[in-house]
């Protein structure tokens, strides 16, 4: 598990470490050494050896002095530029003094020094150690100018802990900031590295240990993400002596005359994720389209109302099927009217198995939220920002401004497992701990992508995986399959059907 921590949490961790006998100077040495090791692992086997380290006055600058010393000791040609004069932090002053016995060239920043400007623009590796997690506000004119020089450089840019100019506890970008190719973060992700738009400035993110015992770090909870190896442990193992009945039965209540494709995509993605049986309940007027793909599904045509949607007259048949399934997905392409409202309410009030509520299923409940909270079933809701805004009676922009707060509010409102979709999807089952998904990209911002995710999540829930784990598995693998499609084709050419076709290959990598 990789934690995502606030500045105050990181400070508390460092203070506790210091009180336990690990000095701040030792922590700085460890941090700089760990960052230098990441750089070396990337460049030792290349011819790229010219390094410029730009340091500020604080502890982040002190990390930079350690990095400069370590790279110099290992054969790199290193020079240090003091962006804001000599350091003010005692630990940083000590690390600068230790550079005195090396061949590292140290100079104050001078925008009129052409040789210095060349070292910034033409070096191979540029290390940004100007500001760390304590920065807030907007950089002054001189500092913004340095940021711009870094951003215009041809070098590979490595930021230490966080790209300078970003506020670690916010995703908002108030002024000029460094755009890194790689950010090496100590102890944990910072919020700005996890959420957009600030995450776009971080490039690839690597989290490194600086020697603080896990027993200290584990006391701090909140947001986290999972590694691929941890995701693998969530997938169900398939034993040889089994049959389809051992892998669950999913009831998908979805589709309408206008939107039958949503039902088809959710059923197909559920099949690809390993559920034993998929039953598709849909309005009978859409029967010809429902025959067109995903032949594995069992068809349950239901009476259609005048709007081309499932009629309330079908509740008896739905109830019969609810008693046979191990999870139910409802809402994809369902449409909104009194009949579909009655159908969704009936499922929530009568299901004894997990209910995945998606799309129109969510929209229909905006004035009946209490039904979700009273449901005897464990409910997973999968809103995008617009749907979340309707439930919370706010705006999509407000949801996006603080996605953690929005997910917490959705949990408080519904008591459901919340999957707040979007860039860096948020999952919570208690409003306290939040999983942040790091897979996926803007390539998946297309109609039908959410239907694929809903089917995947429901498939895992039907196989007996806990709703929280099913949600995490769904969003991770959904994003991973999307990343694979966009790399093989293009972002613009990434479609829900291509993602579905990629699922088996994506999941196979976890079965080896």
Protein backbone atom coordinates (compact mmCIF):
# COMPACT_ATOMS: atom_id res chain seq x y z
CA UNK A 1 0.00 0.00 0.00
CA UNK A 2 1.30 3.45 -0.94
CA UNK A 3 -0.07 6.18 1.29
CA UNK A 4 -1.12 9.64 0.13
CA UNK A 5 -0.44 12.04 2.98
CA UNK A 6 -0.87 15.71 3.79
CA UNK A 7 2.00 18.04 4.68
CA UNK A 8 1.02 18.03 8.34
CA UNK A 9 0.97 14.22 8.43
CA UNK A 10 4.45 14.05 6.88
CA UNK A 11 5.75 16.59 9.39
CA UNK A 12 4.28 14.59 12.27
CA UNK A 13 5.90 11.41 10.93
CA UNK A 14 9.29 13.12 10.71
CA UNK A 15 8.89 14.57 14.21
CA UNK A 16 8.05 11.15 15.61
CA UNK A 17 11.06 9.66 13.81
CA UNK A 18 13.28 12.38 15.25
CA UNK A 19 11.97 11.75 18.75
CA UNK A 20 12.72 8.04 18.27
CA UNK A 21 16.39 8.83 17.57
CA UNK A 22 16.55 9.36 13.79
CA UNK A 23 17.91 12.90 13.41
CA UNK A 24 16.64 15.34 10.80
CA UNK A 25 20.14 15.38 9.34
CA UNK A 26 20.00 11.60 8.95
CA UNK A 27 16.59 11.84 7.31
CA UNK A 28 17.94 14.43 4.85
CA UNK A 29 20.92 12.22 4.02
CA UNK A 30 18.59 9.28 3.50
CA UNK A 31 16.21 11.28 1.32
CA UNK A 32 18.95 12.66 -0.90
CA UNK A 33 20.62 9.26 -1.18
CA UNK A 34 17.33 7.59 -2.14
CA UNK A 35 16.66 10.21 -4.82
CA UNK A 36 20.18 9.89 -6.20
CA UNK A 37 19.71 6.11 -6.37
CA UNK A 38 16.52 6.52 -8.43
CA UNK A 39 18.40 8.79 -10.85
CA UNK A 40 21.33 6.38 -11.06
CA UNK A 41 19.06 3.41 -11.70
CA UNK A 42 17.66 5.31 -14.65
CA UNK A 43 20.85 6.78 -16.12
CA UNK A 44 23.92 4.78 -15.00
CA UNK A 45 23.81 2.65 -18.14
CA UNK A 46 23.47 5.66 -20.45
CA UNK A 47 25.88 8.34 -21.62
CA UNK A 48 23.84 11.05 -19.87
CA UNK A 49 26.16 12.38 -17.19
CA UNK A 50 25.80 16.18 -17.07
CA UNK A 51 23.64 17.16 -14.09
CA UNK A 52 22.44 20.55 -12.86
CA UNK A 53 20.86 20.65 -9.40
CA UNK A 54 18.89 23.83 -8.63
CA UNK A 55 18.44 24.31 -4.89
CA UNK A 56 16.31 26.58 -2.74
CA UNK A 57 17.00 27.83 0.77
CA UNK A 58 15.09 25.21 2.73
CA UNK A 59 15.22 21.48 3.44
CA UNK A 60 14.36 20.60 -0.14
CA UNK A 61 17.54 22.38 -1.15
CA UNK A 62 19.39 20.33 1.46
CA UNK A 63 18.14 17.17 -0.25
CA UNK A 64 19.56 18.60 -3.47
CA UNK A 65 23.03 19.03 -1.96
CA UNK A 66 23.03 15.37 -0.92
CA UNK A 67 21.93 14.33 -4.42
CA UNK A 68 24.70 16.41 -5.96
CA UNK A 69 27.33 14.79 -3.70
CA UNK A 70 26.10 11.25 -4.32
CA UNK A 71 25.95 11.67 -8.11
CA UNK A 72 29.37 13.32 -8.13
CA UNK A 73 30.79 10.40 -6.15
CA UNK A 74 29.47 8.06 -8.85
CA UNK A 75 31.01 9.71 -11.87
CA UNK A 76 28.42 12.28 -12.89
CA UNK A 77 29.48 15.82 -13.81
CA UNK A 78 27.46 17.93 -11.36
CA UNK A 79 26.95 21.61 -10.76
CA UNK A 80 24.68 23.27 -8.21
CA UNK A 81 22.82 26.55 -8.68
CA UNK A 82 21.54 28.33 -5.59
CA UNK A 83 18.22 29.76 -6.78
CA UNK A 84 17.61 31.98 -3.74
CA UNK A 85 20.97 32.45 -2.13
CA UNK A 86 22.63 30.39 0.57
CA UNK A 87 20.43 28.01 2.59
CA UNK A 88 18.71 29.09 5.80
CA UNK A 89 17.88 25.66 7.27
CA UNK A 90 20.63 24.32 9.57
CA UNK A 91 20.50 20.83 8.06
CA UNK A 92 20.74 22.26 4.54
CA UNK A 93 23.74 24.41 5.56
CA UNK A 94 25.50 21.28 6.82
CA UNK A 95 24.85 19.42 3.58
CA UNK A 96 26.13 22.38 1.55
CA UNK A 97 29.30 22.38 3.64
CA UNK A 98 29.84 18.70 2.86
CA UNK A 99 29.98 19.60 -0.82
CA UNK A 100 33.11 21.64 -0.12
CA UNK A 101 35.39 18.61 -0.47
CA UNK A 102 33.99 17.63 -3.87
CA UNK A 103 34.45 18.82 -7.44
CA UNK A 104 30.86 20.05 -7.60
CA UNK A 105 30.67 23.63 -8.91
CA UNK A 106 28.37 25.83 -6.77
CA UNK A 107 27.13 29.26 -7.86
CA UNK A 108 24.35 31.74 -7.17
CA UNK A 109 21.68 32.07 -9.79
CA UNK A 110 22.40 34.89 -12.25
CA UNK A 111 20.03 35.33 -15.16
CA UNK A 112 22.74 37.31 -17.00
CA UNK A 113 25.32 34.52 -16.79
CA UNK A 114 25.20 32.82 -20.19
CA UNK A 115 27.30 29.83 -19.05
CA UNK A 116 24.91 29.21 -16.19
CA UNK A 117 21.88 29.52 -18.42
CA UNK A 118 23.49 26.99 -20.75
CA UNK A 119 23.94 24.57 -17.84
CA UNK A 120 20.21 24.79 -17.23
CA UNK A 121 19.09 24.55 -20.84
CA UNK A 122 21.60 22.00 -22.18
CA UNK A 123 22.35 19.60 -19.31
CA UNK A 124 21.26 15.97 -19.50
CA UNK A 125 19.53 15.80 -16.11
CA UNK A 126 18.08 18.76 -14.24
CA UNK A 127 17.15 18.22 -10.58
CA UNK A 128 14.54 20.58 -9.12
CA UNK A 129 15.07 21.11 -5.37
CA UNK A 130 13.81 24.69 -5.08
CA UNK A 131 10.66 24.23 -3.00
CA UNK A 132 9.31 21.25 -1.12
CA UNK A 133 6.00 20.50 0.53
CA UNK A 134 6.00 23.73 2.55
CA UNK A 135 5.40 25.96 -0.48
CA UNK A 136 2.09 27.83 -0.72
CA UNK A 137 0.79 30.64 -2.87
CA UNK A 138 2.38 32.02 -6.02
CA UNK A 139 6.13 32.27 -6.78
CA UNK A 140 7.63 35.72 -7.09
CA UNK A 141 8.79 37.04 -10.45
CA UNK A 142 12.40 35.88 -10.10
CA UNK A 143 11.42 32.37 -9.02
CA UNK A 144 8.81 32.11 -11.77
CA UNK A 145 11.55 33.00 -14.24
CA UNK A 146 13.69 30.11 -12.96
CA UNK A 147 10.70 27.77 -13.29
CA UNK A 148 10.28 28.86 -16.89
CA UNK A 149 13.96 28.22 -17.63
CA UNK A 150 13.58 24.70 -16.21
CA UNK A 151 10.46 24.07 -18.28
CA UNK A 152 12.22 25.24 -21.45
CA UNK A 153 15.29 23.06 -20.82
CA UNK A 154 16.01 20.08 -23.05
CA UNK A 155 17.03 18.12 -19.94
CA UNK A 156 15.19 15.28 -18.23
CA UNK A 157 13.66 17.06 -15.21
CA UNK A 158 13.55 15.32 -11.82
CA UNK A 159 11.65 17.07 -9.02
CA UNK A 160 12.36 16.09 -5.43
CA UNK A 161 9.28 15.40 -3.31
CA UNK A 162 7.07 17.69 -5.39
CA UNK A 163 7.52 19.92 -8.46
CA UNK A 164 8.41 23.39 -7.22
CA UNK A 165 5.51 25.82 -7.32
CA UNK A 166 2.82 23.27 -6.42
CA UNK A 167 1.02 23.31 -3.09
CA UNK A 168 1.35 19.78 -1.76
CA UNK A 169 -2.13 19.68 -0.21
CA UNK A 170 -4.04 20.96 -3.23
CA UNK A 171 -4.66 19.95 -6.82
CA UNK A 172 -5.08 23.59 -7.85
CA UNK A 173 -2.27 25.44 -9.65
CA UNK A 174 -2.12 29.07 -8.62
CA UNK A 175 0.91 30.24 -10.59
CA UNK A 176 3.96 29.11 -12.51
CA UNK A 177 5.28 25.66 -11.54
CA UNK A 178 7.94 23.21 -12.67
CA UNK A 179 6.85 20.46 -15.08
CA UNK A 180 8.77 17.33 -14.14
CA UNK A 181 9.42 14.17 -16.11
CA UNK A 182 9.88 12.32 -12.82
CA UNK A 183 9.01 13.20 -9.24
CA UNK A 184 10.75 11.29 -6.45
CA UNK A 185 8.57 11.59 -3.35
CA UNK A 186 9.78 10.79 0.16
CA UNK A 187 7.66 8.55 2.43
CA UNK A 188 4.39 8.89 0.49
CA UNK A 189 2.50 10.48 -2.35
CA UNK A 190 1.42 14.03 -1.66
CA UNK A 191 -2.09 15.13 -2.65
CA UNK A 192 -0.83 17.31 -5.49
CA UNK A 193 0.89 14.28 -7.03
CA UNK A 194 -2.30 12.20 -6.93
CA UNK A 195 -4.95 14.58 -8.30
CA UNK A 196 -5.40 16.54 -11.49
CA UNK A 197 -4.66 19.12 -12.69
CA UNK A 198 -1.55 19.33 -10.47
CA UNK A 199 -0.65 15.66 -11.08
CA UNK A 200 -0.01 16.53 -14.72
CA UNK A 201 3.07 18.48 -13.58
CA UNK A 202 4.54 15.52 -11.70
CA UNK A 203 5.27 13.17 -14.58
CA UNK A 204 6.10 9.68 -13.37
CA UNK A 205 6.04 9.40 -9.57
CA UNK A 206 8.36 7.18 -7.54
CA UNK A 207 7.95 6.92 -3.77
CA UNK A 208 11.10 6.18 -1.76
CA UNK A 209 11.74 5.22 1.84
CA UNK A 210 13.95 7.50 3.91
CA UNK A 211 14.52 5.07 6.76
CA UNK A 212 11.46 5.80 8.89
CA UNK A 213 10.05 2.57 10.38
CA UNK A 214 6.72 1.39 8.95
CA UNK A 215 5.41 1.20 12.52
CA UNK A 216 5.48 5.01 12.64
CA UNK A 217 4.03 5.56 9.17
CA UNK A 218 1.24 3.01 9.70
CA UNK A 219 -0.34 5.21 12.35
CA UNK A 220 -1.45 7.61 9.63
CA UNK A 221 -4.46 6.74 7.51
CA UNK A 222 -6.56 8.48 4.90
CA UNK A 223 -5.82 8.07 1.21
CA UNK A 224 -3.87 5.27 -0.41
CA UNK A 225 -3.21 3.51 -3.68
CA UNK A 226 -2.20 -0.09 -4.35
CA UNK A 227 0.62 -1.67 -6.29
CA UNK A 228 0.04 -4.23 -9.03
CA UNK A 229 1.18 -7.04 -6.74
CA UNK A 230 -1.36 -5.97 -4.11
CA UNK A 231 -4.12 -5.83 -6.72
CA UNK A 232 -3.23 -9.39 -7.71
CA UNK A 233 -4.09 -10.63 -4.22
CA UNK A 234 -7.66 -9.33 -4.63
CA UNK A 235 -8.41 -11.47 -7.68
CA UNK A 236 -10.25 -14.74 -7.01
CA UNK A 237 -8.30 -17.93 -7.67
CA UNK A 238 -9.97 -20.44 -9.98
CA UNK A 239 -9.74 -24.04 -8.80
CA UNK A 240 -9.76 -26.89 -11.34
CA UNK A 241 -12.61 -28.91 -9.88
CA UNK A 242 -15.25 -26.19 -10.30
CA UNK A 243 -18.20 -25.25 -12.50
CA UNK A 244 -19.97 -22.04 -13.54
CA UNK A 245 -22.07 -22.17 -10.37
CA UNK A 246 -18.94 -21.63 -8.32
CA UNK A 247 -18.32 -18.24 -9.92
CA UNK A 248 -21.62 -16.55 -9.28
CA UNK A 249 -24.63 -15.39 -11.24
CA UNK A 250 -25.04 -11.73 -12.19
CA UNK A 251 -28.39 -10.14 -12.98
CA UNK A 252 -28.01 -7.06 -15.19
CA UNK A 253 -31.12 -4.86 -15.33
CA UNK A 254 -30.20 -2.36 -17.99
CA UNK A 255 -30.89 -0.94 -21.41
CA UNK A 256 -33.83 0.69 -23.15
CA UNK A 257 -35.11 1.03 -26.69
CA UNK A 258 -32.94 4.16 -27.03
CA UNK A 259 -29.84 2.86 -25.23
CA UNK A 260 -29.52 -0.92 -25.61
CA UNK A 261 -25.75 -0.67 -26.09
CA UNK A 262 -25.20 0.15 -22.41
CA UNK A 263 -26.68 -3.23 -21.45
CA UNK A 264 -24.61 -5.04 -24.07
CA UNK A 265 -21.34 -3.47 -22.92
CA UNK A 266 -21.95 -4.07 -19.22
CA UNK A 267 -22.88 -7.71 -19.88
CA UNK A 268 -19.84 -8.27 -22.12
CA UNK A 269 -17.38 -6.77 -19.62
CA UNK A 270 -18.91 -8.86 -16.83
CA UNK A 271 -18.40 -12.03 -18.86
CA UNK A 272 -14.77 -11.11 -19.59
CA UNK A 273 -14.11 -10.70 -15.85
CA UNK A 274 -15.03 -14.30 -15.05
CA UNK A 275 -18.53 -14.41 -13.57
CA UNK A 276 -20.14 -17.82 -14.02
CA UNK A 277 -23.41 -16.63 -15.57
CA UNK A 278 -24.81 -13.31 -16.78
CA UNK A 279 -28.56 -12.77 -17.10
CA UNK A 280 -29.65 -9.67 -18.98
CA UNK A 281 -33.07 -8.21 -18.10
CA UNK A 282 -34.11 -5.62 -20.68
CA UNK A 283 -37.22 -4.18 -22.36
CA UNK A 284 -38.49 -6.66 -24.93
CA UNK A 285 -38.76 -4.00 -27.68
CA UNK A 286 -34.92 -3.97 -27.70
CA UNK A 287 -34.73 -7.72 -28.32
CA UNK A 288 -33.24 -7.55 -31.86
CA UNK A 289 -30.34 -5.38 -30.68
CA UNK A 290 -29.77 -7.47 -27.56
CA UNK A 291 -29.18 -10.48 -29.80
CA UNK A 292 -26.37 -8.70 -31.65
CA UNK A 293 -23.41 -9.32 -29.34
CA UNK A 294 -22.26 -11.09 -26.17
CA UNK A 295 -23.85 -14.45 -26.96
CA UNK A 296 -22.83 -15.77 -23.53
CA UNK A 297 -25.59 -13.89 -21.72
CA UNK A 298 -29.01 -15.31 -20.88
CA UNK A 299 -31.82 -13.08 -22.18
CA UNK A 300 -34.70 -12.02 -19.94
CA UNK A 301 -36.97 -9.80 -22.05
CA UNK A 302 -39.32 -7.72 -19.91
CA UNK A 303 -42.46 -5.79 -20.76
CA UNK A 304 -41.75 -2.41 -22.36
CA UNK A 305 -43.58 0.79 -21.43
CA UNK A 306 -44.59 3.52 -23.88
CA UNK A 307 -41.16 5.16 -23.52
CA UNK A 308 -39.30 2.04 -24.63
CA UNK A 309 -38.14 1.29 -21.08
CA UNK A 310 -38.72 -1.50 -18.58
CA UNK A 311 -42.28 -1.43 -17.26
CA UNK A 312 -43.29 -1.71 -13.62
CA UNK A 313 -45.41 -4.66 -14.72
CA UNK A 314 -42.15 -6.67 -14.79
CA UNK A 315 -41.52 -6.49 -11.04
CA UNK A 316 -42.71 -10.03 -10.39
CA UNK A 317 -40.26 -11.48 -12.93
CA UNK A 318 -37.47 -9.28 -11.57
CA UNK A 319 -38.19 -10.54 -8.05
CA UNK A 320 -37.91 -14.14 -9.25
CA UNK A 321 -34.50 -13.42 -10.77
CA UNK A 322 -33.31 -11.52 -7.68
CA UNK A 323 -33.70 -14.73 -5.70
CA UNK A 324 -31.37 -16.60 -8.05
CA UNK A 325 -28.44 -14.19 -8.48
CA UNK A 326 -25.37 -13.43 -6.37
CA UNK A 327 -25.22 -9.74 -7.40
CA UNK A 328 -27.33 -7.33 -9.42
CA UNK A 329 -26.30 -4.43 -11.64
CA UNK A 330 -28.97 -1.87 -12.42
CA UNK A 331 -29.05 1.44 -14.25
CA UNK A 332 -26.91 1.32 -17.40
CA UNK A 333 -28.96 2.88 -20.22
CA UNK A 334 -32.14 2.33 -18.18
CA UNK A 335 -33.74 5.71 -18.85
CA UNK A 336 -35.63 7.83 -16.34
CA UNK A 337 -39.40 7.72 -15.83
CA UNK A 338 -41.87 6.52 -13.18
CA UNK A 339 -41.60 2.90 -14.29
CA UNK A 340 -37.82 2.73 -14.08
CA UNK A 341 -37.93 4.61 -10.77
CA UNK A 342 -40.22 1.92 -9.39
CA UNK A 343 -37.94 -0.82 -10.72
CA UNK A 344 -34.84 0.66 -9.07
CA UNK A 345 -36.66 1.22 -5.78
CA UNK A 346 -37.95 -2.37 -5.86
CA UNK A 347 -34.47 -3.80 -6.37
CA UNK A 348 -32.96 -1.72 -3.57
CA UNK A 349 -35.78 -2.66 -1.20
CA UNK A 350 -35.83 -6.36 -2.00
CA UNK A 351 -32.32 -7.48 -2.97
CA UNK A 352 -30.43 -9.63 -0.51
CA UNK A 353 -27.25 -9.59 -2.62
CA UNK A 354 -24.90 -6.70 -3.53
CA UNK A 355 -26.45 -4.07 -5.79
CA UNK A 356 -24.30 -2.05 -8.19
CA UNK A 357 -26.17 1.18 -8.93
CA UNK A 358 -24.94 2.96 -12.04
CA UNK A 359 -25.91 5.76 -14.43
CA UNK A 360 -29.71 6.25 -14.56
CA UNK A 361 -30.04 4.08 -11.46
CA UNK A 362 -28.21 6.85 -9.61
CA UNK A 363 -30.08 9.67 -11.32
CA UNK A 364 -33.44 8.12 -10.42
CA UNK A 365 -32.49 8.07 -6.73
CA UNK A 366 -31.56 11.74 -6.41
CA UNK A 367 -34.81 12.50 -4.55
CA UNK A 368 -35.00 9.13 -2.75
CA UNK A 369 -31.52 8.77 -1.28
CA UNK A 370 -32.84 7.32 1.97
CA UNK A 371 -33.81 4.15 0.09
CA UNK A 372 -30.13 3.44 -0.66
CA UNK A 373 -29.23 3.84 2.99
CA UNK A 374 -32.12 1.63 4.13
CA UNK A 375 -31.43 -1.12 1.63
CA UNK A 376 -30.81 -4.54 3.12
CA UNK A 377 -28.22 -5.14 0.39
CA UNK A 378 -24.67 -3.76 0.26
CA UNK A 379 -24.85 -1.09 -2.42
CA UNK A 380 -22.07 0.18 -4.69
CA UNK A 381 -22.76 3.51 -6.42
CA UNK A 382 -20.64 4.55 -9.40
CA UNK A 383 -21.37 8.23 -10.15
CA UNK A 384 -19.40 10.45 -12.49
CA UNK A 385 -18.97 14.07 -11.26
CA UNK A 386 -22.26 15.21 -12.81
CA UNK A 387 -24.25 12.40 -11.19
CA UNK A 388 -22.46 12.98 -7.89
CA UNK A 389 -23.37 16.67 -8.10
CA UNK A 390 -27.05 15.80 -8.56
CA UNK A 391 -27.03 13.60 -5.46
CA UNK A 392 -25.18 16.20 -3.41
CA UNK A 393 -27.21 19.10 -4.84
CA UNK A 394 -24.09 20.98 -5.88
CA UNK A 395 -22.12 21.52 -9.10
CA UNK A 396 -19.80 19.16 -10.95
CA UNK A 397 -17.02 21.75 -10.62
CA UNK A 398 -17.45 21.73 -6.83
CA UNK A 399 -17.19 17.93 -6.84
CA UNK A 400 -14.03 18.10 -8.92
CA UNK A 401 -12.44 20.75 -6.73
CA UNK A 402 -12.31 18.35 -3.76
CA UNK A 403 -13.03 14.80 -4.87
CA UNK A 404 -12.16 13.30 -1.46
CA UNK A 405 -14.66 15.57 0.29
CA UNK A 406 -17.26 14.71 -2.36
CA UNK A 407 -16.70 10.96 -1.92
CA UNK A 408 -16.96 11.35 1.85
CA UNK A 409 -20.21 13.32 1.48
CA UNK A 410 -21.62 10.66 -0.87
CA UNK A 411 -20.83 7.96 1.67
CA UNK A 412 -22.43 9.96 4.49
CA UNK A 413 -25.52 10.47 2.32
CA UNK A 414 -25.96 6.90 1.09
CA UNK A 415 -23.96 4.53 3.29
CA UNK A 416 -22.89 2.84 0.04
CA UNK A 417 -19.50 1.90 -1.30
CA UNK A 418 -18.71 4.98 -3.38
CA UNK A 419 -16.89 4.86 -6.72
CA UNK A 420 -16.47 8.50 -7.75
CA UNK A 421 -15.39 8.18 -11.37
CA UNK A 422 -13.10 10.51 -13.29
CA UNK A 423 -9.40 11.21 -13.46
CA UNK A 424 -8.02 9.34 -10.44
CA UNK A 425 -11.24 7.56 -9.46
CA UNK A 426 -11.91 7.55 -5.69
CA UNK A 427 -13.27 4.52 -3.82
CA UNK A 428 -14.41 4.50 -0.19
CA UNK A 429 -16.56 2.16 1.87
CA UNK A 430 -16.47 4.10 5.14
CA UNK A 431 -15.88 7.78 4.38
CA UNK A 432 -12.55 7.62 6.24
CA UNK A 433 -10.16 5.62 4.05
CA UNK A 434 -10.00 6.43 0.36
CA UNK A 435 -8.45 4.36 -2.43
CA UNK A 436 -7.16 6.54 -5.29
CA UNK A 437 -6.83 4.75 -8.62
CA UNK A 438 -3.76 5.58 -10.68
CA UNK A 439 -4.57 3.70 -13.89
CA UNK A 440 -6.49 5.05 -16.88
CA UNK A 441 -6.35 8.32 -18.78
CA UNK A 442 -8.38 10.81 -20.80
CA UNK A 443 -8.50 8.16 -23.55
CA UNK A 444 -11.36 6.62 -21.59
CA UNK A 445 -13.47 9.78 -21.53
CA UNK A 446 -16.07 8.45 -23.95
CA UNK A 447 -19.65 7.25 -23.79
CA UNK A 448 -19.91 3.62 -22.68
CA UNK A 449 -16.72 3.51 -20.66
CA UNK A 450 -18.71 3.69 -17.42
CA UNK A 451 -20.95 0.82 -18.55
CA UNK A 452 -17.85 -1.33 -18.99
CA UNK A 453 -16.66 -0.44 -15.47
CA UNK A 454 -20.08 -1.17 -13.98
CA UNK A 455 -20.14 -4.63 -15.57
CA UNK A 456 -16.63 -5.40 -14.34
CA UNK A 457 -17.35 -4.31 -10.77
CA UNK A 458 -20.61 -6.27 -10.72
CA UNK A 459 -18.85 -9.35 -12.10
CA UNK A 460 -16.33 -9.35 -9.25
CA UNK A 461 -19.06 -8.76 -6.65
CA UNK A 462 -21.09 -11.67 -8.08
CA UNK A 463 -18.03 -13.91 -7.67
CA UNK A 464 -18.11 -13.31 -3.93
CA UNK A 465 -15.48 -10.59 -3.64
CA UNK A 466 -16.38 -7.96 -1.03
CA UNK A 467 -18.02 -4.84 -2.53
CA UNK A 468 -15.06 -2.61 -1.62
CA UNK A 469 -12.50 -4.97 -3.17
CA UNK A 470 -14.75 -5.52 -6.19
CA UNK A 471 -14.87 -1.77 -6.73
CA UNK A 472 -11.09 -1.37 -6.39
CA UNK A 473 -10.46 -4.31 -8.75
CA UNK A 474 -12.92 -2.92 -11.26
CA UNK A 475 -11.47 0.57 -11.46
CA UNK A 476 -7.85 -0.62 -11.49
CA UNK A 477 -8.27 -3.23 -14.24
CA UNK A 478 -10.61 -0.97 -16.22
CA UNK A 479 -7.96 1.75 -16.26
CA UNK A 480 -5.17 -0.70 -16.99
CA UNK A 481 -7.03 -2.13 -19.99
CA UNK A 482 -7.73 1.40 -21.19
CA UNK A 483 -4.03 2.29 -20.90
CA UNK A 484 -3.14 -0.78 -22.96
CA UNK A 485 -5.64 0.11 -25.69
CA UNK A 486 -4.52 3.74 -25.89
CA UNK A 487 -0.85 2.71 -26.17
CA UNK A 488 -1.63 0.21 -28.93
CA UNK A 489 -3.97 2.47 -30.87
CA UNK A 490 -4.40 6.09 -29.78
CA UNK A 491 -6.14 8.07 -27.08
CA UNK A 492 -8.72 9.30 -29.57
CA UNK A 493 -9.27 5.77 -30.87
CA UNK A 494 -9.80 4.14 -27.47
CA UNK A 495 -13.37 2.84 -27.38
CA UNK A 496 -15.37 0.85 -24.81
CA UNK A 497 -15.49 -2.14 -27.17
CA UNK A 498 -11.69 -2.13 -27.54
CA UNK A 499 -11.39 -1.99 -23.74
CA UNK A 500 -13.70 -4.99 -23.41
CA UNK A 501 -11.62 -6.88 -25.97
CA UNK A 502 -8.48 -6.10 -23.94
CA UNK A 503 -9.81 -7.32 -20.58
CA UNK A 504 -8.89 -10.99 -20.93
CA UNK A 505 -5.30 -10.13 -21.83
CA UNK A 506 -5.09 -7.59 -19.00
CA UNK A 507 -6.37 -10.02 -16.39
CA UNK A 508 -4.15 -12.83 -17.70
CA UNK A 509 -1.06 -10.94 -16.54
CA UNK A 510 -2.31 -11.32 -12.95
CA UNK A 511 -2.90 -15.06 -13.26
CA UNK A 512 0.73 -15.96 -14.04
